[in-house]
Amino acid sequence: FDKLCEVLNNGKKKELNKITVSDSESLKIIDKPSQQAYIYFGSPLNYNIEDKYKLSVAMFILGSSGFGSRLMEEIRVKRGLAYSVYCSANLNLSYNALNGYLQTKNENKDEAISLIKDEISKFVQNGATQKELEAARNFLLGSEPLSKETLFKRLSIAQKEHYYGYELGEFDLNLERIKSLELNILNEFISSLKDINRLSIACLYNESK
């Protein structure tokens, strides 16, 4: 290993420019021939790096888990207003953001957009339920270890830990933290995510439909 390092050029550390995620709460409507309305939304996502495990649970409950998530349950299952809907955390060293997507009928776009805003607002204000926490905990503790089943996957996890500035082994520590996470601690964290209410939205739909 030492001999290999001797022949490699020393790299130069580069400072990443921070990218400011828009909090303008803009709405852009694009009228194009389309059978359905496609709604994309995003907002700033500010959190402390040591709370990443809480963010994983919160995003799972809100919109990244598919069926069973808050957005899917409220918008598609209960009201039938979406073919699909999800949101997730897009985390980088230069920026963090909440990204989401919803697909619905052209004539339902306004109601669907209103519901996205309402559900995210209620999530921040009221937090999760014990039932939602237990479902998220059971899924994450059961599925995340599969991410380490091959050498390639374990190396990928180690690379991400290094990229984000964690100590090696952060992945396993997060599972332990999720295992002992209490509802009041999770909801206190969720209530701090007020910036995710500042949604910017782009909607492509066909006005003639």
N, C-alpha and C. Protein backbone atom coordinates (compact mmCIF):
# COMPACT_ATOMS: atom_id res chain seq x y z
N PHE A 1 0.84 -1.20 0.00
CA PHE A 1 0.00 0.00 0.00
C PHE A 1 0.87 1.26 0.00
N ASP A 2 1.94 1.23 0.83
CA ASP A 2 2.82 2.40 0.90
C ASP A 2 3.48 2.68 -0.44
N LYS A 3 3.90 1.61 -1.15
CA LYS A 3 4.53 1.79 -2.46
C LYS A 3 3.53 2.36 -3.46
N LEU A 4 2.30 1.93 -3.36
CA LEU A 4 1.26 2.45 -4.26
C LEU A 4 1.06 3.94 -4.01
N CYS A 5 1.05 4.35 -2.75
CA CYS A 5 0.85 5.76 -2.42
C CYS A 5 2.00 6.63 -2.94
N GLU A 6 3.21 6.05 -3.00
CA GLU A 6 4.37 6.82 -3.42
C GLU A 6 4.27 7.27 -4.87
N VAL A 7 3.61 6.48 -5.72
CA VAL A 7 3.54 6.81 -7.14
C VAL A 7 2.32 7.66 -7.48
N LEU A 8 1.45 7.86 -6.53
CA LEU A 8 0.25 8.65 -6.78
C LEU A 8 0.53 10.13 -6.50
N ASN A 9 0.00 10.97 -7.35
CA ASN A 9 0.15 12.41 -7.13
C ASN A 9 -0.71 12.87 -5.95
N ASN A 10 -0.16 13.79 -5.19
CA ASN A 10 -0.94 14.35 -4.10
C ASN A 10 -2.06 15.23 -4.65
N GLY A 11 -3.25 14.99 -4.19
CA GLY A 11 -4.37 15.80 -4.64
C GLY A 11 -4.42 17.12 -3.91
N LYS A 12 -5.19 18.02 -4.44
CA LYS A 12 -5.37 19.32 -3.82
C LYS A 12 -6.79 19.44 -3.28
N LYS A 13 -6.88 19.83 -2.05
CA LYS A 13 -8.19 19.97 -1.43
C LYS A 13 -8.93 21.15 -2.04
N LYS A 14 -10.16 20.91 -2.42
CA LYS A 14 -10.98 21.96 -3.00
C LYS A 14 -12.15 22.28 -2.06
N GLU A 15 -12.44 23.54 -1.95
CA GLU A 15 -13.58 23.96 -1.14
C GLU A 15 -14.83 23.97 -2.01
N LEU A 16 -15.85 23.30 -1.54
CA LEU A 16 -17.11 23.28 -2.27
C LEU A 16 -17.89 24.57 -2.04
N ASN A 17 -18.39 25.12 -3.11
CA ASN A 17 -19.25 26.29 -2.97
C ASN A 17 -20.63 25.84 -2.51
N LYS A 18 -21.14 26.50 -1.50
CA LYS A 18 -22.46 26.17 -1.00
C LYS A 18 -23.53 26.69 -1.96
N ILE A 19 -24.49 25.86 -2.25
CA ILE A 19 -25.60 26.21 -3.13
C ILE A 19 -26.83 26.51 -2.28
N THR A 20 -27.41 27.67 -2.48
CA THR A 20 -28.61 28.05 -1.73
C THR A 20 -29.85 27.52 -2.43
N VAL A 21 -30.57 26.67 -1.76
CA VAL A 21 -31.81 26.11 -2.31
C VAL A 21 -32.91 27.16 -2.21
N SER A 22 -33.64 27.35 -3.27
CA SER A 22 -34.66 28.40 -3.32
C SER A 22 -35.73 28.19 -2.25
N ASP A 23 -36.08 29.27 -1.58
CA ASP A 23 -37.19 29.25 -0.64
C ASP A 23 -38.27 30.25 -1.08
N SER A 24 -38.32 30.50 -2.39
CA SER A 24 -39.20 31.53 -2.93
C SER A 24 -40.67 31.13 -2.95
N GLU A 25 -40.94 29.84 -2.75
CA GLU A 25 -42.31 29.33 -2.79
C GLU A 25 -43.00 29.67 -4.11
N SER A 26 -42.24 29.57 -5.19
CA SER A 26 -42.77 29.90 -6.51
C SER A 26 -43.63 28.75 -7.06
N LEU A 27 -44.50 29.10 -7.96
CA LEU A 27 -45.34 28.13 -8.65
C LEU A 27 -45.25 28.38 -10.15
N LYS A 28 -44.75 27.41 -10.88
CA LYS A 28 -44.63 27.54 -12.33
C LYS A 28 -45.55 26.53 -13.00
N ILE A 29 -46.46 27.03 -13.82
CA ILE A 29 -47.40 26.19 -14.55
C ILE A 29 -46.98 26.12 -16.01
N ILE A 30 -46.84 24.92 -16.54
CA ILE A 30 -46.42 24.71 -17.92
C ILE A 30 -47.54 23.99 -18.65
N ASP A 31 -48.15 24.66 -19.60
CA ASP A 31 -49.26 24.09 -20.36
C ASP A 31 -48.72 23.40 -21.60
N LYS A 32 -48.75 22.08 -21.61
CA LYS A 32 -48.27 21.28 -22.73
C LYS A 32 -49.24 20.13 -22.98
N PRO A 33 -49.28 19.61 -24.22
CA PRO A 33 -50.12 18.44 -24.47
C PRO A 33 -49.70 17.28 -23.57
N SER A 34 -50.61 16.81 -22.76
CA SER A 34 -50.29 15.75 -21.81
C SER A 34 -51.58 15.09 -21.35
N GLN A 35 -51.51 13.79 -21.14
CA GLN A 35 -52.67 13.06 -20.66
C GLN A 35 -52.86 13.23 -19.15
N GLN A 36 -51.80 13.62 -18.47
CA GLN A 36 -51.85 13.76 -17.01
C GLN A 36 -51.08 15.00 -16.58
N ALA A 37 -51.24 15.35 -15.31
CA ALA A 37 -50.49 16.46 -14.73
C ALA A 37 -49.29 15.90 -13.97
N TYR A 38 -48.14 16.50 -14.19
CA TYR A 38 -46.91 16.09 -13.52
C TYR A 38 -46.45 17.23 -12.62
N ILE A 39 -46.40 16.98 -11.34
CA ILE A 39 -46.11 18.02 -10.35
C ILE A 39 -44.79 17.70 -9.65
N TYR A 40 -43.85 18.62 -9.73
CA TYR A 40 -42.55 18.46 -9.05
C TYR A 40 -42.43 19.55 -8.00
N PHE A 41 -41.98 19.18 -6.82
CA PHE A 41 -41.86 20.18 -5.75
C PHE A 41 -40.57 19.98 -4.97
N GLY A 42 -40.09 21.09 -4.40
CA GLY A 42 -38.85 21.03 -3.63
C GLY A 42 -38.76 22.20 -2.68
N SER A 43 -37.91 22.05 -1.68
CA SER A 43 -37.74 23.10 -0.67
C SER A 43 -36.39 22.94 0.01
N PRO A 44 -35.94 23.97 0.72
CA PRO A 44 -34.71 23.81 1.51
C PRO A 44 -34.91 22.77 2.60
N LEU A 45 -33.82 22.12 2.99
CA LEU A 45 -33.86 21.13 4.06
C LEU A 45 -32.65 21.35 4.96
N ASN A 46 -32.89 21.97 6.08
CA ASN A 46 -31.80 22.30 7.00
C ASN A 46 -31.87 21.42 8.24
N TYR A 47 -30.77 20.75 8.53
CA TYR A 47 -30.71 19.87 9.71
C TYR A 47 -29.26 19.74 10.15
N ASN A 48 -29.06 19.33 11.40
CA ASN A 48 -27.72 19.08 11.90
C ASN A 48 -27.26 17.68 11.50
N ILE A 49 -26.01 17.54 11.11
CA ILE A 49 -25.52 16.29 10.56
C ILE A 49 -25.68 15.12 11.52
N GLU A 50 -25.63 15.41 12.83
CA GLU A 50 -25.76 14.32 13.81
C GLU A 50 -27.20 13.81 13.89
N ASP A 51 -28.13 14.51 13.25
CA ASP A 51 -29.54 14.10 13.26
C ASP A 51 -29.94 13.35 12.00
N LYS A 52 -28.99 12.86 11.26
CA LYS A 52 -29.31 12.22 9.98
C LYS A 52 -30.22 11.00 10.18
N TYR A 53 -30.01 10.26 11.26
CA TYR A 53 -30.85 9.08 11.49
C TYR A 53 -32.30 9.48 11.74
N LYS A 54 -32.50 10.62 12.41
CA LYS A 54 -33.86 11.12 12.61
C LYS A 54 -34.47 11.53 11.28
N LEU A 55 -33.65 12.14 10.42
CA LEU A 55 -34.15 12.56 9.10
C LEU A 55 -34.55 11.36 8.28
N SER A 56 -33.79 10.26 8.36
CA SER A 56 -34.13 9.05 7.61
C SER A 56 -35.51 8.53 8.01
N VAL A 57 -35.78 8.54 9.31
CA VAL A 57 -37.08 8.07 9.79
C VAL A 57 -38.18 9.03 9.38
N ALA A 58 -37.93 10.33 9.52
CA ALA A 58 -38.95 11.32 9.19
C ALA A 58 -39.32 11.26 7.71
N MET A 59 -38.33 11.17 6.83
CA MET A 59 -38.60 11.13 5.40
C MET A 59 -39.29 9.84 4.99
N PHE A 60 -38.95 8.74 5.66
CA PHE A 60 -39.63 7.47 5.41
C PHE A 60 -41.11 7.61 5.69
N ILE A 61 -41.43 8.23 6.82
CA ILE A 61 -42.83 8.39 7.21
C ILE A 61 -43.55 9.37 6.28
N LEU A 62 -42.90 10.45 5.95
CA LEU A 62 -43.57 11.49 5.15
C LEU A 62 -43.81 11.06 3.71
N GLY A 63 -42.79 10.51 3.04
CA GLY A 63 -43.04 10.26 1.62
C GLY A 63 -42.12 9.33 0.89
N SER A 64 -41.07 8.81 1.51
CA SER A 64 -40.10 8.01 0.75
C SER A 64 -40.37 6.52 0.80
N SER A 65 -41.40 6.10 1.54
CA SER A 65 -41.62 4.66 1.72
C SER A 65 -42.68 4.10 0.78
N GLY A 66 -43.21 4.91 -0.13
CA GLY A 66 -44.24 4.39 -1.04
C GLY A 66 -45.56 4.22 -0.30
N PHE A 67 -46.25 3.11 -0.55
CA PHE A 67 -47.51 2.85 0.16
C PHE A 67 -47.23 2.75 1.65
N GLY A 68 -48.04 3.46 2.43
CA GLY A 68 -47.80 3.53 3.85
C GLY A 68 -47.25 4.87 4.27
N SER A 69 -46.67 5.63 3.33
CA SER A 69 -46.16 6.95 3.66
C SER A 69 -47.33 7.91 3.85
N ARG A 70 -47.08 9.01 4.55
CA ARG A 70 -48.13 9.98 4.83
C ARG A 70 -48.71 10.56 3.53
N LEU A 71 -47.86 10.96 2.62
CA LEU A 71 -48.36 11.57 1.38
C LEU A 71 -49.16 10.57 0.56
N MET A 72 -48.65 9.34 0.44
CA MET A 72 -49.36 8.34 -0.35
C MET A 72 -50.71 8.00 0.29
N GLU A 73 -50.72 7.86 1.61
CA GLU A 73 -51.94 7.49 2.31
C GLU A 73 -53.01 8.58 2.19
N GLU A 74 -52.62 9.83 2.38
CA GLU A 74 -53.59 10.91 2.40
C GLU A 74 -54.04 11.34 1.01
N ILE A 75 -53.13 11.30 0.04
CA ILE A 75 -53.44 11.85 -1.28
C ILE A 75 -53.95 10.79 -2.25
N ARG A 76 -53.34 9.61 -2.23
CA ARG A 76 -53.80 8.57 -3.15
C ARG A 76 -54.82 7.64 -2.53
N VAL A 77 -54.48 7.04 -1.38
CA VAL A 77 -55.33 6.00 -0.81
C VAL A 77 -56.67 6.57 -0.35
N LYS A 78 -56.65 7.65 0.43
CA LYS A 78 -57.89 8.20 0.98
C LYS A 78 -58.69 9.00 -0.03
N ARG A 79 -58.00 9.72 -0.94
CA ARG A 79 -58.71 10.65 -1.83
C ARG A 79 -58.64 10.25 -3.30
N GLY A 80 -57.79 9.33 -3.65
CA GLY A 80 -57.69 8.90 -5.04
C GLY A 80 -57.24 9.99 -5.99
N LEU A 81 -56.38 10.91 -5.51
CA LEU A 81 -56.00 12.07 -6.32
C LEU A 81 -54.61 11.92 -6.95
N ALA A 82 -53.99 10.77 -6.85
CA ALA A 82 -52.66 10.62 -7.42
C ALA A 82 -52.44 9.21 -7.91
N TYR A 83 -51.74 9.10 -9.04
CA TYR A 83 -51.29 7.79 -9.48
C TYR A 83 -50.06 7.39 -8.68
N SER A 84 -49.21 8.37 -8.39
CA SER A 84 -48.04 8.14 -7.55
C SER A 84 -47.65 9.46 -6.90
N VAL A 85 -47.07 9.37 -5.71
CA VAL A 85 -46.59 10.55 -5.00
C VAL A 85 -45.51 10.12 -4.03
N TYR A 86 -44.44 10.89 -3.98
CA TYR A 86 -43.37 10.59 -3.04
C TYR A 86 -42.56 11.86 -2.79
N CYS A 87 -41.76 11.82 -1.74
CA CYS A 87 -40.75 12.85 -1.53
C CYS A 87 -39.59 12.22 -0.76
N SER A 88 -38.42 12.80 -0.89
CA SER A 88 -37.24 12.26 -0.23
C SER A 88 -36.24 13.38 0.02
N ALA A 89 -35.26 13.09 0.85
CA ALA A 89 -34.20 14.05 1.14
C ALA A 89 -33.06 13.86 0.14
N ASN A 90 -32.66 14.94 -0.50
CA ASN A 90 -31.52 14.95 -1.41
C ASN A 90 -30.36 15.61 -0.66
N LEU A 91 -29.42 14.80 -0.16
CA LEU A 91 -28.38 15.30 0.74
C LEU A 91 -27.03 15.33 0.04
N ASN A 92 -26.37 16.47 0.12
CA ASN A 92 -25.06 16.67 -0.49
C ASN A 92 -24.23 17.57 0.41
N LEU A 93 -22.91 17.61 0.15
CA LEU A 93 -22.07 18.52 0.91
C LEU A 93 -22.35 19.97 0.55
N SER A 94 -22.75 20.22 -0.69
CA SER A 94 -22.96 21.59 -1.15
C SER A 94 -24.39 22.09 -0.91
N TYR A 95 -25.34 21.19 -0.79
CA TYR A 95 -26.72 21.61 -0.50
C TYR A 95 -27.53 20.42 -0.01
N ASN A 96 -28.61 20.71 0.67
CA ASN A 96 -29.60 19.71 1.06
C ASN A 96 -30.97 20.23 0.63
N ALA A 97 -31.82 19.32 0.17
CA ALA A 97 -33.13 19.75 -0.30
C ALA A 97 -34.14 18.62 -0.13
N LEU A 98 -35.39 19.01 -0.01
CA LEU A 98 -36.49 18.07 -0.09
C LEU A 98 -36.97 18.06 -1.54
N ASN A 99 -37.04 16.89 -2.15
CA ASN A 99 -37.54 16.77 -3.52
C ASN A 99 -38.74 15.85 -3.55
N GLY A 100 -39.73 16.18 -4.37
CA GLY A 100 -40.90 15.33 -4.45
C GLY A 100 -41.57 15.39 -5.80
N TYR A 101 -42.49 14.45 -6.00
CA TYR A 101 -43.14 14.30 -7.30
C TYR A 101 -44.55 13.75 -7.08
N LEU A 102 -45.48 14.24 -7.89
CA LEU A 102 -46.85 13.73 -7.86
C LEU A 102 -47.39 13.70 -9.28
N GLN A 103 -48.15 12.67 -9.59
CA GLN A 103 -48.77 12.51 -10.90
C GLN A 103 -50.27 12.32 -10.70
N THR A 104 -51.07 13.11 -11.42
CA THR A 104 -52.51 13.05 -11.22
C THR A 104 -53.23 13.41 -12.52
N LYS A 105 -54.55 13.44 -12.49
CA LYS A 105 -55.32 13.88 -13.64
C LYS A 105 -55.15 15.38 -13.82
N ASN A 106 -55.23 15.83 -15.05
CA ASN A 106 -55.09 17.26 -15.34
C ASN A 106 -56.05 18.11 -14.51
N GLU A 107 -57.28 17.65 -14.40
CA GLU A 107 -58.28 18.46 -13.71
C GLU A 107 -58.10 18.47 -12.18
N ASN A 108 -57.23 17.60 -11.67
CA ASN A 108 -57.02 17.51 -10.22
C ASN A 108 -55.77 18.24 -9.74
N LYS A 109 -55.08 18.94 -10.64
CA LYS A 109 -53.77 19.49 -10.29
C LYS A 109 -53.85 20.48 -9.13
N ASP A 110 -54.83 21.38 -9.14
CA ASP A 110 -54.90 22.41 -8.09
C ASP A 110 -55.16 21.79 -6.72
N GLU A 111 -56.06 20.85 -6.67
CA GLU A 111 -56.36 20.19 -5.39
C GLU A 111 -55.16 19.39 -4.92
N ALA A 112 -54.48 18.73 -5.84
CA ALA A 112 -53.31 17.93 -5.47
C ALA A 112 -52.19 18.82 -4.93
N ILE A 113 -51.95 19.95 -5.57
CA ILE A 113 -50.92 20.88 -5.08
C ILE A 113 -51.27 21.39 -3.69
N SER A 114 -52.53 21.72 -3.48
CA SER A 114 -52.97 22.19 -2.17
C SER A 114 -52.76 21.11 -1.10
N LEU A 115 -53.03 19.87 -1.44
CA LEU A 115 -52.88 18.77 -0.48
C LEU A 115 -51.42 18.52 -0.13
N ILE A 116 -50.54 18.63 -1.12
CA ILE A 116 -49.11 18.48 -0.84
C ILE A 116 -48.69 19.48 0.23
N LYS A 117 -49.06 20.74 0.03
CA LYS A 117 -48.70 21.78 0.99
C LYS A 117 -49.31 21.50 2.36
N ASP A 118 -50.58 21.12 2.37
CA ASP A 118 -51.28 20.88 3.63
C ASP A 118 -50.66 19.72 4.41
N GLU A 119 -50.36 18.64 3.72
CA GLU A 119 -49.85 17.46 4.41
C GLU A 119 -48.45 17.69 4.95
N ILE A 120 -47.61 18.39 4.20
CA ILE A 120 -46.27 18.68 4.70
C ILE A 120 -46.36 19.62 5.90
N SER A 121 -47.25 20.61 5.81
CA SER A 121 -47.44 21.54 6.92
C SER A 121 -47.91 20.81 8.18
N LYS A 122 -48.88 19.91 8.03
CA LYS A 122 -49.39 19.16 9.18
C LYS A 122 -48.32 18.24 9.76
N PHE A 123 -47.49 17.69 8.90
CA PHE A 123 -46.42 16.80 9.37
C PHE A 123 -45.44 17.57 10.25
N VAL A 124 -45.05 18.77 9.80
CA VAL A 124 -44.13 19.59 10.59
C VAL A 124 -44.77 20.03 11.89
N GLN A 125 -46.04 20.39 11.82
CA GLN A 125 -46.72 20.92 13.00
C GLN A 125 -47.05 19.84 14.02
N ASN A 126 -47.52 18.68 13.54
CA ASN A 126 -48.04 17.65 14.45
C ASN A 126 -47.10 16.46 14.64
N GLY A 127 -46.14 16.29 13.72
CA GLY A 127 -45.22 15.18 13.84
C GLY A 127 -45.81 13.85 13.42
N ALA A 128 -45.14 12.79 13.82
CA ALA A 128 -45.53 11.42 13.46
C ALA A 128 -46.30 10.78 14.62
N THR A 129 -46.92 9.66 14.34
CA THR A 129 -47.59 8.88 15.37
C THR A 129 -46.69 7.74 15.82
N GLN A 130 -47.01 7.16 16.96
CA GLN A 130 -46.23 6.00 17.44
C GLN A 130 -46.31 4.85 16.43
N LYS A 131 -47.47 4.67 15.84
CA LYS A 131 -47.65 3.60 14.85
C LYS A 131 -46.73 3.83 13.65
N GLU A 132 -46.64 5.07 13.18
CA GLU A 132 -45.78 5.39 12.05
C GLU A 132 -44.31 5.19 12.40
N LEU A 133 -43.93 5.58 13.62
CA LEU A 133 -42.55 5.37 14.05
C LEU A 133 -42.21 3.89 14.09
N GLU A 134 -43.09 3.08 14.64
CA GLU A 134 -42.82 1.64 14.74
C GLU A 134 -42.72 1.01 13.36
N ALA A 135 -43.60 1.42 12.45
CA ALA A 135 -43.55 0.86 11.09
C ALA A 135 -42.24 1.24 10.40
N ALA A 136 -41.84 2.50 10.55
CA ALA A 136 -40.58 2.95 9.95
C ALA A 136 -39.39 2.23 10.58
N ARG A 137 -39.39 2.12 11.90
CA ARG A 137 -38.30 1.45 12.59
C ARG A 137 -38.16 -0.01 12.14
N ASN A 138 -39.29 -0.71 12.09
CA ASN A 138 -39.25 -2.12 11.71
C ASN A 138 -38.74 -2.31 10.29
N PHE A 139 -39.18 -1.45 9.39
CA PHE A 139 -38.74 -1.58 8.00
C PHE A 139 -37.26 -1.25 7.86
N LEU A 140 -36.84 -0.13 8.44
CA LEU A 140 -35.45 0.30 8.28
C LEU A 140 -34.48 -0.67 8.94
N LEU A 141 -34.81 -1.16 10.12
CA LEU A 141 -33.93 -2.11 10.80
C LEU A 141 -33.90 -3.46 10.08
N GLY A 142 -34.99 -3.77 9.37
CA GLY A 142 -35.02 -5.03 8.65
C GLY A 142 -34.38 -4.96 7.28
N SER A 143 -34.48 -3.80 6.62
CA SER A 143 -34.01 -3.70 5.24
C SER A 143 -32.60 -3.12 5.10
N GLU A 144 -32.25 -2.17 5.96
CA GLU A 144 -30.96 -1.51 5.82
C GLU A 144 -29.77 -2.46 5.90
N PRO A 145 -29.78 -3.50 6.79
CA PRO A 145 -28.64 -4.42 6.82
C PRO A 145 -28.39 -5.13 5.49
N LEU A 146 -29.42 -5.23 4.64
CA LEU A 146 -29.23 -5.85 3.33
C LEU A 146 -28.30 -5.01 2.46
N SER A 147 -28.15 -3.73 2.82
CA SER A 147 -27.24 -2.86 2.08
C SER A 147 -25.78 -3.25 2.25
N LYS A 148 -25.51 -4.19 3.16
CA LYS A 148 -24.12 -4.59 3.43
C LYS A 148 -23.86 -6.04 3.03
N GLU A 149 -24.74 -6.61 2.21
CA GLU A 149 -24.63 -8.04 1.94
C GLU A 149 -23.50 -8.40 0.98
N THR A 150 -22.97 -7.44 0.23
CA THR A 150 -21.85 -7.71 -0.67
C THR A 150 -20.69 -6.77 -0.34
N LEU A 151 -19.48 -7.15 -0.75
CA LEU A 151 -18.31 -6.30 -0.52
C LEU A 151 -18.47 -4.95 -1.21
N PHE A 152 -19.00 -4.97 -2.43
CA PHE A 152 -19.19 -3.72 -3.17
C PHE A 152 -20.10 -2.77 -2.40
N LYS A 153 -21.18 -3.29 -1.83
CA LYS A 153 -22.12 -2.45 -1.08
C LYS A 153 -21.47 -1.92 0.20
N ARG A 154 -20.66 -2.74 0.85
CA ARG A 154 -19.99 -2.29 2.07
C ARG A 154 -18.98 -1.19 1.76
N LEU A 155 -18.29 -1.33 0.64
CA LEU A 155 -17.35 -0.29 0.23
C LEU A 155 -18.09 1.00 -0.13
N SER A 156 -19.25 0.87 -0.74
CA SER A 156 -20.04 2.04 -1.08
C SER A 156 -20.49 2.78 0.17
N ILE A 157 -20.89 2.04 1.19
CA ILE A 157 -21.28 2.66 2.45
C ILE A 157 -20.11 3.38 3.09
N ALA A 158 -18.94 2.73 3.07
CA ALA A 158 -17.74 3.35 3.64
C ALA A 158 -17.36 4.63 2.90
N GLN A 159 -17.52 4.60 1.57
CA GLN A 159 -17.21 5.80 0.77
C GLN A 159 -18.13 6.94 1.14
N LYS A 160 -19.42 6.65 1.33
CA LYS A 160 -20.37 7.70 1.69
C LYS A 160 -20.07 8.26 3.08
N GLU A 161 -19.68 7.38 4.00
CA GLU A 161 -19.33 7.85 5.33
C GLU A 161 -18.15 8.81 5.27
N HIS A 162 -17.17 8.47 4.47
CA HIS A 162 -16.00 9.34 4.30
C HIS A 162 -16.40 10.65 3.62
N TYR A 163 -17.24 10.56 2.60
CA TYR A 163 -17.66 11.75 1.85
C TYR A 163 -18.35 12.76 2.76
N TYR A 164 -19.22 12.26 3.64
CA TYR A 164 -19.98 13.17 4.51
C TYR A 164 -19.20 13.58 5.76
N GLY A 165 -18.02 13.02 5.95
CA GLY A 165 -17.21 13.40 7.09
C GLY A 165 -17.50 12.64 8.36
N TYR A 166 -18.19 11.51 8.25
CA TYR A 166 -18.45 10.67 9.41
C TYR A 166 -17.25 9.76 9.69
N GLU A 167 -17.20 9.24 10.90
CA GLU A 167 -16.27 8.16 11.21
C GLU A 167 -16.79 6.88 10.56
N LEU A 168 -15.85 5.98 10.17
CA LEU A 168 -16.28 4.70 9.63
C LEU A 168 -17.09 3.95 10.68
N GLY A 169 -18.20 3.38 10.25
CA GLY A 169 -19.08 2.68 11.17
C GLY A 169 -20.34 3.47 11.52
N GLU A 170 -20.47 4.67 10.93
CA GLU A 170 -21.64 5.51 11.20
C GLU A 170 -22.93 4.82 10.77
N PHE A 171 -22.87 4.03 9.71
CA PHE A 171 -24.05 3.32 9.21
C PHE A 171 -24.64 2.43 10.31
N ASP A 172 -23.78 1.65 10.96
CA ASP A 172 -24.26 0.75 12.01
C ASP A 172 -24.71 1.52 13.25
N LEU A 173 -24.02 2.61 13.56
CA LEU A 173 -24.44 3.44 14.69
C LEU A 173 -25.82 4.02 14.47
N ASN A 174 -26.11 4.42 13.22
CA ASN A 174 -27.43 4.97 12.92
C ASN A 174 -28.53 3.94 13.15
N LEU A 175 -28.27 2.69 12.82
CA LEU A 175 -29.28 1.64 13.06
C LEU A 175 -29.55 1.50 14.56
N GLU A 176 -28.50 1.58 15.35
CA GLU A 176 -28.69 1.51 16.80
C GLU A 176 -29.47 2.72 17.30
N ARG A 177 -29.20 3.88 16.73
CA ARG A 177 -29.93 5.09 17.13
C ARG A 177 -31.40 4.99 16.75
N ILE A 178 -31.68 4.46 15.56
CA ILE A 178 -33.07 4.28 15.12
C ILE A 178 -33.78 3.30 16.05
N LYS A 179 -33.06 2.27 16.47
CA LYS A 179 -33.65 1.25 17.35
C LYS A 179 -34.14 1.86 18.65
N SER A 180 -33.44 2.85 19.18
CA SER A 180 -33.81 3.42 20.47
C SER A 180 -34.50 4.78 20.35
N LEU A 181 -34.82 5.20 19.12
CA LEU A 181 -35.44 6.52 18.92
C LEU A 181 -36.84 6.56 19.53
N GLU A 182 -37.10 7.58 20.32
CA GLU A 182 -38.40 7.75 20.96
C GLU A 182 -39.23 8.78 20.20
N LEU A 183 -40.55 8.66 20.31
CA LEU A 183 -41.45 9.48 19.51
C LEU A 183 -41.29 10.97 19.83
N ASN A 184 -41.14 11.32 21.10
CA ASN A 184 -41.03 12.74 21.44
C ASN A 184 -39.76 13.36 20.86
N ILE A 185 -38.68 12.58 20.79
CA ILE A 185 -37.43 13.07 20.21
C ILE A 185 -37.59 13.24 18.71
N LEU A 186 -38.24 12.27 18.06
CA LEU A 186 -38.48 12.36 16.62
C LEU A 186 -39.34 13.58 16.30
N ASN A 187 -40.41 13.77 17.04
CA ASN A 187 -41.33 14.88 16.74
C ASN A 187 -40.72 16.24 17.04
N GLU A 188 -39.85 16.30 18.03
CA GLU A 188 -39.13 17.54 18.27
C GLU A 188 -38.25 17.88 17.07
N PHE A 189 -37.63 16.85 16.48
CA PHE A 189 -36.82 17.06 15.29
C PHE A 189 -37.69 17.47 14.10
N ILE A 190 -38.81 16.78 13.89
CA ILE A 190 -39.69 17.10 12.77
C ILE A 190 -40.17 18.54 12.85
N SER A 191 -40.46 19.01 14.05
CA SER A 191 -40.94 20.38 14.21
C SER A 191 -39.88 21.41 13.85
N SER A 192 -38.60 20.99 13.81
CA SER A 192 -37.53 21.92 13.45
C SER A 192 -37.36 22.05 11.93
N LEU A 193 -38.08 21.23 11.17
CA LEU A 193 -37.93 21.22 9.71
C LEU A 193 -38.89 22.20 9.04
N LYS A 194 -39.04 23.37 9.61
CA LYS A 194 -40.03 24.32 9.10
C LYS A 194 -39.74 24.77 7.67
N ASP A 195 -38.48 24.74 7.26
CA ASP A 195 -38.14 25.20 5.91
C ASP A 195 -38.75 24.33 4.81
N ILE A 196 -39.10 23.08 5.12
CA ILE A 196 -39.67 22.24 4.06
C ILE A 196 -41.06 22.71 3.66
N ASN A 197 -41.66 23.63 4.45
CA ASN A 197 -42.93 24.23 4.05
C ASN A 197 -42.76 25.24 2.92
N ARG A 198 -41.54 25.68 2.67
CA ARG A 198 -41.32 26.74 1.68
C ARG A 198 -41.12 26.10 0.31
N LEU A 199 -42.18 25.49 -0.18
CA LEU A 199 -42.15 24.70 -1.41
C LEU A 199 -42.16 25.56 -2.66
N SER A 200 -41.28 25.22 -3.58
CA SER A 200 -41.38 25.72 -4.96
C SER A 200 -41.91 24.57 -5.81
N ILE A 201 -42.84 24.89 -6.70
CA ILE A 201 -43.58 23.85 -7.41
C ILE A 201 -43.60 24.15 -8.91
N ALA A 202 -43.36 23.11 -9.71
CA ALA A 202 -43.52 23.20 -11.16
C ALA A 202 -44.54 22.14 -11.58
N CYS A 203 -45.49 22.54 -12.39
CA CYS A 203 -46.55 21.63 -12.81
C CYS A 203 -46.72 21.68 -14.33
N LEU A 204 -46.56 20.54 -14.96
CA LEU A 204 -46.83 20.42 -16.39
C LEU A 204 -48.18 19.72 -16.54
N TYR A 205 -49.08 20.36 -17.29
CA TYR A 205 -50.39 19.76 -17.50
C TYR A 205 -50.98 20.29 -18.79
N ASN A 206 -52.10 19.73 -19.17
CA ASN A 206 -52.79 20.12 -20.39
C ASN A 206 -54.08 20.82 -20.01
N GLU A 207 -54.15 22.12 -20.22
CA GLU A 207 -55.30 22.91 -19.80
C GLU A 207 -56.57 22.50 -20.53
N SER A 208 -56.45 21.98 -21.72
CA SER A 208 -57.63 21.63 -22.50
C SER A 208 -58.26 20.33 -22.06
N LYS A 209 -57.56 19.55 -21.21
CA LYS A 209 -58.09 18.27 -20.79
C LYS A 209 -59.12 18.45 -19.68
